[in-house]
Amino acid sequence: MTMVEPGSRPLKFLENRHLLTMLLVGALVWSLAVVDWRGPLVHSGGGEAASDFVQALFPPELSTDFLRLCLVASWQTVSYAVAAITVAVAIGFPLGAIASGTAYPQGNLRVPGIVRLFLAGMRSIHELVWAVLFVSAFGLSPLAAILAIALPYGGILGRIYADLINDVPDPPLQALRASGASPMRVLLYGRIPMALPELVSYTFYRFECAIRAAAIMSFVGIRGLGYEIQLSLNDLLFNQVWTLMLFMVALVVVVDMWGSRLRRS
């Protein structure tokens, strides 16, 4: 039986850039081949509907009552996003630290490997699928939506946190090792502080995504921007839809600016 050396990677061929290019080109060709090009890509009234939607932007709905409703819906959306990302960080950070394998003696990858598989399982299921599962357990409630966002985001954060902790430059850590620090102390006092700016940056990016995810959770019964957009679309009030969408853009921009300033500080 052929023995694999500890430092070798039996799946190294997967890192071949030419293989990745061929797979992407093949997927593109296949997707174009399965499209039914004989029929119209846009239905007969699509152009007129798109024109009505664009024209509704000039101007959007700016009445005082509706702006007040947008502020309340924005606050609700941010509240759900904050709750979801908080749970996701509470899940992802410790699991990511374990999955990095840096707190274990070199060569002991059994526990980190199991944790990585667990994180992969969490993030492989979309938040909408999680929402359907949690609705059946908890009913139509904000808890179902928050957990539906938190679980896959926790899996994503844990995976990225593990990579960021692993990618810390090794030379600055040599002083800790030379002083007799254990792998756990090197992780706590060396790797995590050095990786903190990138950890914060990616967490805020996921917070932006959580805002968008919270907005589309209206189908599980939570109020917010997505719920109001759905009501306005049902009534064909496109000018209201534009106003709500602009509020959503403003939320993402504010979070992006906040994350950038925090990362620089």
C-alpha atoms as a PDB file:
ATOM      1  CA  MET A   1       0.000   0.000   0.000  1.00  0.00           C
ATOM      2  CA  THR A   2       1.318   3.449  -0.927  1.00  0.00           C
ATOM      3  CA  MET A   3       1.999   5.619   2.094  1.00  0.00           C
ATOM      4  CA  VAL A   4       1.240   9.347   1.918  1.00  0.00           C
ATOM      5  CA  GLU A   5       3.843  11.584   3.488  1.00  0.00           C
ATOM      6  CA  PRO A   6       2.528  13.959   6.193  1.00  0.00           C
ATOM      7  CA  GLY A   7       3.390  17.053   4.175  1.00  0.00           C
ATOM      8  CA  SER A   8       1.957  15.846   0.873  1.00  0.00           C
ATOM      9  CA  ARG A   9      -1.467  16.762  -0.486  1.00  0.00           C
ATOM     10  CA  PRO A  10      -3.124  13.930  -2.419  1.00  0.00           C
ATOM     11  CA  LEU A  11      -5.720  16.321  -3.872  1.00  0.00           C
ATOM     12  CA  LYS A  12      -3.152  18.776  -5.145  1.00  0.00           C
ATOM     13  CA  PHE A  13      -4.467  18.420  -8.706  1.00  0.00           C
ATOM     14  CA  LEU A  14      -7.564  20.362  -7.600  1.00  0.00           C
ATOM     15  CA  GLU A  15      -5.351  23.450  -7.247  1.00  0.00           C
ATOM     16  CA  ASN A  16      -4.551  23.422 -10.969  1.00  0.00           C
ATOM     17  CA  ARG A  17      -5.711  26.722 -12.465  1.00  0.00           C
ATOM     18  CA  HIS A  18      -6.160  25.174 -15.913  1.00  0.00           C
ATOM     19  CA  LEU A  19      -8.560  22.597 -14.463  1.00  0.00           C
ATOM     20  CA  LEU A  20     -10.593  25.357 -12.790  1.00  0.00           C
ATOM     21  CA  THR A  21     -10.708  27.341 -16.055  1.00  0.00           C
ATOM     22  CA  MET A  22     -11.886  24.296 -17.996  1.00  0.00           C
ATOM     23  CA  LEU A  23     -14.610  23.606 -15.439  1.00  0.00           C
ATOM     24  CA  LEU A  24     -15.864  27.209 -15.555  1.00  0.00           C
ATOM     25  CA  VAL A  25     -15.855  27.323 -19.362  1.00  0.00           C
ATOM     26  CA  GLY A  26     -17.596  23.947 -19.505  1.00  0.00           C
ATOM     27  CA  ALA A  27     -20.284  25.122 -17.072  1.00  0.00           C
ATOM     28  CA  LEU A  28     -20.846  28.276 -19.164  1.00  0.00           C
ATOM     29  CA  VAL A  29     -21.149  26.306 -22.414  1.00  0.00           C
ATOM     30  CA  TRP A  30     -23.502  23.806 -20.810  1.00  0.00           C
ATOM     31  CA  SER A  31     -25.726  26.542 -19.358  1.00  0.00           C
ATOM     32  CA  LEU A  32     -26.003  28.230 -22.754  1.00  0.00           C
ATOM     33  CA  ALA A  33     -26.795  24.919 -24.431  1.00  0.00           C
ATOM     34  CA  VAL A  34     -29.756  24.122 -22.183  1.00  0.00           C
ATOM     35  CA  VAL A  35     -31.464  27.499 -22.750  1.00  0.00           C
ATOM     36  CA  ASP A  36     -34.492  27.311 -25.031  1.00  0.00           C
ATOM     37  CA  TRP A  37     -33.516  29.978 -27.565  1.00  0.00           C
ATOM     38  CA  ARG A  38     -36.599  29.349 -29.735  1.00  0.00           C
ATOM     39  CA  GLY A  39     -38.999  31.170 -27.434  1.00  0.00           C
ATOM     40  CA  PRO A  40     -38.869  34.814 -26.306  1.00  0.00           C
ATOM     41  CA  LEU A  41     -36.621  35.524 -23.349  1.00  0.00           C
ATOM     42  CA  VAL A  42     -38.923  38.345 -22.165  1.00  0.00           C
ATOM     43  CA  HIS A  43     -42.715  38.094 -22.209  1.00  0.00           C
ATOM     44  CA  SER A  44     -44.700  40.505 -24.345  1.00  0.00           C
ATOM     45  CA  GLY A  45     -45.507  42.970 -21.561  1.00  0.00           C
ATOM     46  CA  GLY A  46     -42.080  42.872 -19.947  1.00  0.00           C
ATOM     47  CA  GLY A  47     -40.694  45.981 -21.623  1.00  0.00           C
ATOM     48  CA  GLU A  48     -43.681  48.125 -20.663  1.00  0.00           C
ATOM     49  CA  ALA A  49     -43.594  46.871 -17.057  1.00  0.00           C
ATOM     50  CA  ALA A  50     -39.870  47.602 -16.812  1.00  0.00           C
ATOM     51  CA  SER A  51     -40.448  51.091 -18.191  1.00  0.00           C
ATOM     52  CA  ASP A  52     -43.187  51.784 -15.632  1.00  0.00           C
ATOM     53  CA  PHE A  53     -40.928  50.596 -12.847  1.00  0.00           C
ATOM     54  CA  VAL A  54     -38.012  52.820 -13.907  1.00  0.00           C
ATOM     55  CA  GLN A  55     -40.232  55.884 -14.396  1.00  0.00           C
ATOM     56  CA  ALA A  56     -41.597  55.457 -10.868  1.00  0.00           C
ATOM     57  CA  LEU A  57     -38.170  56.518  -9.567  1.00  0.00           C
ATOM     58  CA  PHE A  58     -38.868  60.089 -10.706  1.00  0.00           C
ATOM     59  CA  PRO A  59     -39.917  60.870  -8.052  1.00  0.00           C
ATOM     60  CA  PRO A  60     -40.181  58.124  -5.427  1.00  0.00           C
ATOM     61  CA  GLU A  61     -42.768  58.280  -2.658  1.00  0.00           C
ATOM     62  CA  LEU A  62     -41.641  60.977  -0.205  1.00  0.00           C
ATOM     63  CA  SER A  63     -44.725  61.650   1.876  1.00  0.00           C
ATOM     64  CA  THR A  64     -44.166  62.113   5.597  1.00  0.00           C
ATOM     65  CA  ASP A  65     -46.279  59.141   6.627  1.00  0.00           C
ATOM     66  CA  PHE A  66     -44.559  56.805   4.210  1.00  0.00           C
ATOM     67  CA  LEU A  67     -41.074  57.977   5.210  1.00  0.00           C
ATOM     68  CA  ARG A  68     -42.010  57.322   8.824  1.00  0.00           C
ATOM     69  CA  LEU A  69     -43.108  53.808   7.822  1.00  0.00           C
ATOM     70  CA  CYS A  70     -39.764  53.310   6.014  1.00  0.00           C
ATOM     71  CA  LEU A  71     -37.838  54.318   9.129  1.00  0.00           C
ATOM     72  CA  VAL A  72     -39.782  51.843  11.271  1.00  0.00           C
ATOM     73  CA  ALA A  73     -39.279  49.079   8.682  1.00  0.00           C
ATOM     74  CA  SER A  74     -35.551  49.875   8.474  1.00  0.00           C
ATOM     75  CA  TRP A  75     -35.224  49.658  12.252  1.00  0.00           C
ATOM     76  CA  GLN A  76     -36.983  46.298  12.261  1.00  0.00           C
ATOM     77  CA  THR A  77     -34.723  44.970   9.498  1.00  0.00           C
ATOM     78  CA  VAL A  78     -31.563  46.141  11.272  1.00  0.00           C
ATOM     79  CA  SER A  79     -32.770  44.610  14.550  1.00  0.00           C
ATOM     80  CA  TYR A  80     -33.208  41.198  12.953  1.00  0.00           C
ATOM     81  CA  ALA A  81     -29.849  41.496  11.181  1.00  0.00           C
ATOM     82  CA  VAL A  82     -28.036  42.459  14.402  1.00  0.00           C
ATOM     83  CA  ALA A  83     -29.594  39.546  16.279  1.00  0.00           C
ATOM     84  CA  ALA A  84     -28.721  37.110  13.489  1.00  0.00           C
ATOM     85  CA  ILE A  85     -25.112  38.264  13.042  1.00  0.00           C
ATOM     86  CA  THR A  86     -24.570  38.215  16.821  1.00  0.00           C
ATOM     87  CA  VAL A  87     -25.632  34.571  17.006  1.00  0.00           C
ATOM     88  CA  ALA A  88     -23.572  33.822  13.879  1.00  0.00           C
ATOM     89  CA  VAL A  89     -20.410  35.320  15.411  1.00  0.00           C
ATOM     90  CA  ALA A  90     -21.038  33.440  18.671  1.00  0.00           C
ATOM     91  CA  ILE A  91     -21.147  30.238  16.632  1.00  0.00           C
ATOM     92  CA  GLY A  92     -18.499  31.002  14.035  1.00  0.00           C
ATOM     93  CA  PHE A  93     -15.699  32.464  16.143  1.00  0.00           C
ATOM     94  CA  PRO A  94     -15.048  29.558  18.528  1.00  0.00           C
ATOM     95  CA  LEU A  95     -15.658  26.970  15.824  1.00  0.00           C
ATOM     96  CA  GLY A  96     -13.398  28.879  13.432  1.00  0.00           C
ATOM     97  CA  ALA A  97     -10.623  29.004  16.029  1.00  0.00           C
ATOM     98  CA  ILE A  98     -10.916  25.242  16.480  1.00  0.00           C
ATOM     99  CA  ALA A  99     -11.146  24.599  12.722  1.00  0.00           C
ATOM    100  CA  SER A 100      -7.932  26.546  12.144  1.00  0.00           C
ATOM    101  CA  GLY A 101      -6.059  23.756  13.938  1.00  0.00           C
ATOM    102  CA  THR A 102      -3.571  26.236  15.405  1.00  0.00           C
ATOM    103  CA  ALA A 103      -4.489  25.421  19.017  1.00  0.00           C
ATOM    104  CA  TYR A 104      -3.533  21.779  18.573  1.00  0.00           C
ATOM    105  CA  PRO A 105      -0.132  20.103  18.338  1.00  0.00           C
ATOM    106  CA  GLN A 106       1.187  19.946  14.795  1.00  0.00           C
ATOM    107  CA  GLY A 107      -0.208  16.995  12.860  1.00  0.00           C
ATOM    108  CA  ASN A 108      -3.301  16.536  15.071  1.00  0.00           C
ATOM    109  CA  LEU A 109      -6.023  17.499  12.587  1.00  0.00           C
ATOM    110  CA  ARG A 110      -8.814  15.121  13.611  1.00  0.00           C
ATOM    111  CA  VAL A 111     -10.861  17.600  15.678  1.00  0.00           C
ATOM    112  CA  PRO A 112     -10.297  20.581  13.304  1.00  0.00           C
ATOM    113  CA  GLY A 113     -11.289  18.371  10.381  1.00  0.00           C
ATOM    114  CA  ILE A 114     -14.541  17.334  12.060  1.00  0.00           C
ATOM    115  CA  VAL A 115     -15.334  20.962  12.886  1.00  0.00           C
ATOM    116  CA  ARG A 116     -14.661  22.011   9.279  1.00  0.00           C
ATOM    117  CA  LEU A 117     -17.101  19.357   8.074  1.00  0.00           C
ATOM    118  CA  PHE A 118     -19.676  20.636  10.570  1.00  0.00           C
ATOM    119  CA  LEU A 119     -19.214  24.224   9.331  1.00  0.00           C
ATOM    120  CA  ALA A 120     -19.549  23.029   5.734  1.00  0.00           C
ATOM    121  CA  GLY A 121     -22.847  21.366   6.574  1.00  0.00           C
ATOM    122  CA  MET A 122     -24.169  24.557   8.188  1.00  0.00           C
ATOM    123  CA  ARG A 123     -23.334  26.834   5.279  1.00  0.00           C
ATOM    124  CA  SER A 124     -24.304  24.399   2.533  1.00  0.00           C
ATOM    125  CA  ILE A 125     -28.022  24.927   3.296  1.00  0.00           C
ATOM    126  CA  HIS A 126     -29.398  28.299   2.181  1.00  0.00           C
ATOM    127  CA  GLU A 127     -31.068  30.541   4.729  1.00  0.00           C
ATOM    128  CA  LEU A 128     -34.398  30.240   2.917  1.00  0.00           C
ATOM    129  CA  VAL A 129     -34.321  26.456   3.347  1.00  0.00           C
ATOM    130  CA  TRP A 130     -33.394  26.888   7.018  1.00  0.00           C
ATOM    131  CA  ALA A 131     -36.326  29.306   7.322  1.00  0.00           C
ATOM    132  CA  VAL A 132     -38.774  26.695   6.029  1.00  0.00           C
ATOM    133  CA  LEU A 133     -37.411  24.162   8.523  1.00  0.00           C
ATOM    134  CA  PHE A 134     -37.572  26.575  11.457  1.00  0.00           C
ATOM    135  CA  VAL A 135     -41.073  27.772  10.551  1.00  0.00           C
ATOM    136  CA  SER A 136     -42.267  24.195  10.891  1.00  0.00           C
ATOM    137  CA  ALA A 137     -40.662  24.082  14.353  1.00  0.00           C
ATOM    138  CA  PHE A 138     -41.356  27.565  15.739  1.00  0.00           C
ATOM    139  CA  GLY A 139     -44.175  28.823  13.515  1.00  0.00           C
ATOM    140  CA  LEU A 140     -44.242  32.186  11.746  1.00  0.00           C
ATOM    141  CA  SER A 141     -42.084  34.181  14.128  1.00  0.00           C
ATOM    142  CA  PRO A 142     -38.985  36.414  14.070  1.00  0.00           C
ATOM    143  CA  LEU A 143     -37.061  33.653  15.898  1.00  0.00           C
ATOM    144  CA  ALA A 144     -37.375  31.409  12.850  1.00  0.00           C
ATOM    145  CA  ALA A 145     -35.970  34.104  10.565  1.00  0.00           C
ATOM    146  CA  ILE A 146     -33.123  35.024  12.919  1.00  0.00           C
ATOM    147  CA  LEU A 147     -31.977  31.416  13.328  1.00  0.00           C
ATOM    148  CA  ALA A 148     -32.366  30.809   9.593  1.00  0.00           C
ATOM    149  CA  ILE A 149     -29.856  33.592   8.921  1.00  0.00           C
ATOM    150  CA  ALA A 150     -27.582  32.848  11.875  1.00  0.00           C
ATOM    151  CA  LEU A 151     -26.857  29.183  11.130  1.00  0.00           C
ATOM    152  CA  PRO A 152     -25.522  29.437   7.553  1.00  0.00           C
ATOM    153  CA  TYR A 153     -23.763  32.701   8.362  1.00  0.00           C
ATOM    154  CA  GLY A 154     -22.158  31.045  11.383  1.00  0.00           C
ATOM    155  CA  GLY A 155     -20.845  28.326   9.073  1.00  0.00           C
ATOM    156  CA  ILE A 156     -19.487  30.896   6.620  1.00  0.00           C
ATOM    157  CA  LEU A 157     -17.898  33.034   9.332  1.00  0.00           C
ATOM    158  CA  GLY A 158     -16.308  30.005  10.974  1.00  0.00           C
ATOM    159  CA  ARG A 159     -14.756  28.914   7.680  1.00  0.00           C
ATOM    160  CA  ILE A 160     -13.368  32.363   6.884  1.00  0.00           C
ATOM    161  CA  TYR A 161     -12.214  32.975  10.457  1.00  0.00           C
ATOM    162  CA  ALA A 162     -10.237  29.718  10.330  1.00  0.00           C
ATOM    163  CA  ASP A 163      -8.490  30.771   7.118  1.00  0.00           C
ATOM    164  CA  LEU A 164      -7.706  34.274   8.406  1.00  0.00           C
ATOM    165  CA  ILE A 165      -6.241  32.888  11.624  1.00  0.00           C
ATOM    166  CA  ASN A 166      -4.157  30.418   9.624  1.00  0.00           C
ATOM    167  CA  ASP A 167      -2.880  33.105   7.235  1.00  0.00           C
ATOM    168  CA  VAL A 168      -1.242  35.175   9.979  1.00  0.00           C
ATOM    169  CA  PRO A 169       2.506  35.632   9.258  1.00  0.00           C
ATOM    170  CA  ASP A 170       4.553  33.151  11.223  1.00  0.00           C
ATOM    171  CA  PRO A 171       7.728  35.150  12.063  1.00  0.00           C
ATOM    172  CA  PRO A 172       6.044  37.412  14.681  1.00  0.00           C
ATOM    173  CA  LEU A 173       4.798  34.287  16.446  1.00  0.00           C
ATOM    174  CA  GLN A 174       8.275  32.861  16.898  1.00  0.00           C
ATOM    175  CA  ALA A 175       8.902  35.057  19.950  1.00  0.00           C
ATOM    176  CA  LEU A 176       5.892  33.546  21.722  1.00  0.00           C
ATOM    177  CA  ARG A 177       6.989  30.028  20.882  1.00  0.00           C
ATOM    178  CA  ALA A 178      10.567  30.784  21.982  1.00  0.00           C
ATOM    179  CA  SER A 179       9.253  31.906  25.376  1.00  0.00           C
ATOM    180  CA  GLY A 180       7.559  28.537  25.842  1.00  0.00           C
ATOM    181  CA  ALA A 181       3.983  29.569  24.988  1.00  0.00           C
ATOM    182  CA  SER A 182       1.620  26.705  24.219  1.00  0.00           C
ATOM    183  CA  PRO A 183      -0.245  26.569  20.881  1.00  0.00           C
ATOM    184  CA  MET A 184      -3.366  27.853  22.676  1.00  0.00           C
ATOM    185  CA  ARG A 185      -1.507  30.886  24.052  1.00  0.00           C
ATOM    186  CA  VAL A 186       0.020  31.559  20.628  1.00  0.00           C
ATOM    187  CA  LEU A 187      -3.515  31.531  19.237  1.00  0.00           C
ATOM    188  CA  LEU A 188      -4.952  33.836  21.909  1.00  0.00           C
ATOM    189  CA  TYR A 189      -2.100  36.333  22.200  1.00  0.00           C
ATOM    190  CA  GLY A 190      -0.609  36.159  18.719  1.00  0.00           C
ATOM    191  CA  ARG A 191      -2.801  34.919  15.906  1.00  0.00           C
ATOM    192  CA  ILE A 192      -6.164  36.377  16.909  1.00  0.00           C
ATOM    193  CA  PRO A 193      -4.867  39.929  17.666  1.00  0.00           C
ATOM    194  CA  MET A 194      -2.944  39.980  14.379  1.00  0.00           C
ATOM    195  CA  ALA A 195      -5.941  38.704  12.408  1.00  0.00           C
ATOM    196  CA  LEU A 196      -8.437  40.970  14.210  1.00  0.00           C
ATOM    197  CA  PRO A 197      -8.635  43.734  11.551  1.00  0.00           C
ATOM    198  CA  GLU A 198      -9.478  41.205   8.840  1.00  0.00           C
ATOM    199  CA  LEU A 199     -11.896  39.387  11.137  1.00  0.00           C
ATOM    200  CA  VAL A 200     -13.740  42.641  11.854  1.00  0.00           C
ATOM    201  CA  SER A 201     -13.763  43.623   8.189  1.00  0.00           C
ATOM    202  CA  TYR A 202     -15.299  40.343   7.053  1.00  0.00           C
ATOM    203  CA  THR A 203     -17.796  40.350   9.923  1.00  0.00           C
ATOM    204  CA  PHE A 204     -19.109  43.745   8.813  1.00  0.00           C
ATOM    205  CA  TYR A 205     -19.349  42.484   5.249  1.00  0.00           C
ATOM    206  CA  ARG A 206     -21.483  39.614   6.502  1.00  0.00           C
ATOM    207  CA  PHE A 207     -23.530  42.106   8.512  1.00  0.00           C
ATOM    208  CA  GLU A 208     -24.362  43.857   5.225  1.00  0.00           C
ATOM    209  CA  CYS A 209     -25.433  40.510   3.805  1.00  0.00           C
ATOM    210  CA  ALA A 210     -27.521  39.860   6.930  1.00  0.00           C
ATOM    211  CA  ILE A 211     -29.426  43.100   6.325  1.00  0.00           C
ATOM    212  CA  ARG A 212     -30.320  41.960   2.823  1.00  0.00           C
ATOM    213  CA  ALA A 213     -31.204  38.484   4.083  1.00  0.00           C
ATOM    214  CA  ALA A 214     -33.428  39.931   6.818  1.00  0.00           C
ATOM    215  CA  ALA A 215     -35.212  42.015   4.196  1.00  0.00           C
ATOM    216  CA  ILE A 216     -36.170  38.955   2.133  1.00  0.00           C
ATOM    217  CA  MET A 217     -37.434  36.983   5.117  1.00  0.00           C
ATOM    218  CA  SER A 218     -40.869  38.586   4.830  1.00  0.00           C
ATOM    219  CA  PHE A 219     -42.361  35.293   3.690  1.00  0.00           C
ATOM    220  CA  VAL A 220     -41.841  33.845   7.185  1.00  0.00           C
ATOM    221  CA  GLY A 221     -43.928  36.608   8.709  1.00  0.00           C
ATOM    222  CA  ILE A 222     -41.437  39.210   9.966  1.00  0.00           C
ATOM    223  CA  ARG A 223     -41.998  42.889   9.365  1.00  0.00           C
ATOM    224  CA  GLY A 224     -39.339  45.028   7.781  1.00  0.00           C
ATOM    225  CA  LEU A 225     -38.252  46.493   4.466  1.00  0.00           C
ATOM    226  CA  GLY A 226     -38.863  43.265   2.566  1.00  0.00           C
ATOM    227  CA  TYR A 227     -42.385  42.966   3.937  1.00  0.00           C
ATOM    228  CA  GLU A 228     -43.229  46.529   2.909  1.00  0.00           C
ATOM    229  CA  ILE A 229     -41.661  46.028  -0.529  1.00  0.00           C
ATOM    230  CA  GLN A 230     -43.826  42.966  -1.032  1.00  0.00           C
ATOM    231  CA  LEU A 231     -46.986  44.891  -0.093  1.00  0.00           C
ATOM    232  CA  SER A 232     -46.107  47.775  -2.428  1.00  0.00           C
ATOM    233  CA  LEU A 233     -45.328  45.402  -5.299  1.00  0.00           C
ATOM    234  CA  ASN A 234     -48.639  43.624  -4.831  1.00  0.00           C
ATOM    235  CA  ASP A 235     -50.396  46.997  -5.197  1.00  0.00           C
ATOM    236  CA  LEU A 236     -48.140  48.025  -8.149  1.00  0.00           C
ATOM    237  CA  LEU A 237     -46.976  51.083  -6.176  1.00  0.00           C
ATOM    238  CA  PHE A 238     -43.524  51.197  -7.754  1.00  0.00           C
ATOM    239  CA  ASN A 239     -42.673  54.642  -6.394  1.00  0.00           C
ATOM    240  CA  GLN A 240     -43.017  53.229  -2.872  1.00  0.00           C
ATOM    241  CA  VAL A 241     -40.847  50.272  -3.855  1.00  0.00           C
ATOM    242  CA  TRP A 242     -38.082  52.656  -4.958  1.00  0.00           C
ATOM    243  CA  THR A 243     -38.214  54.540  -1.668  1.00  0.00           C
ATOM    244  CA  LEU A 244     -37.917  51.320   0.319  1.00  0.00           C
ATOM    245  CA  MET A 245     -35.044  50.132  -1.866  1.00  0.00           C
ATOM    246  CA  LEU A 246     -33.213  53.426  -1.366  1.00  0.00           C
ATOM    247  CA  PHE A 247     -33.559  52.985   2.397  1.00  0.00           C
ATOM    248  CA  MET A 248     -32.017  49.530   2.058  1.00  0.00           C
ATOM    249  CA  VAL A 249     -29.109  50.940   0.044  1.00  0.00           C
ATOM    250  CA  ALA A 250     -28.610  53.601   2.716  1.00  0.00           C
ATOM    251  CA  LEU A 251     -28.440  50.950   5.449  1.00  0.00           C
ATOM    252  CA  VAL A 252     -25.752  48.992   3.591  1.00  0.00           C
ATOM    253  CA  VAL A 253     -23.728  52.158   2.913  1.00  0.00           C
ATOM    254  CA  VAL A 254     -23.863  53.172   6.585  1.00  0.00           C
ATOM    255  CA  VAL A 255     -22.726  49.718   7.717  1.00  0.00           C
ATOM    256  CA  ASP A 256     -19.914  49.745   5.138  1.00  0.00           C
ATOM    257  CA  MET A 257     -18.669  53.148   6.325  1.00  0.00           C
ATOM    258  CA  TRP A 258     -18.930  52.071   9.962  1.00  0.00           C
ATOM    259  CA  GLY A 259     -16.948  48.902   9.306  1.00  0.00           C
ATOM    260  CA  SER A 260     -14.236  50.796   7.387  1.00  0.00           C
ATOM    261  CA  ARG A 261     -13.747  53.338  10.192  1.00  0.00           C
ATOM    262  CA  LEU A 262     -13.696  50.638  12.854  1.00  0.00           C
ATOM    263  CA  ARG A 263     -11.155  48.597  10.889  1.00  0.00           C
ATOM    264  CA  ARG A 264      -8.843  51.608  10.468  1.00  0.00           C
ATOM    265  CA  SER A 265      -9.055  52.422  14.172  1.00  0.00           C
END
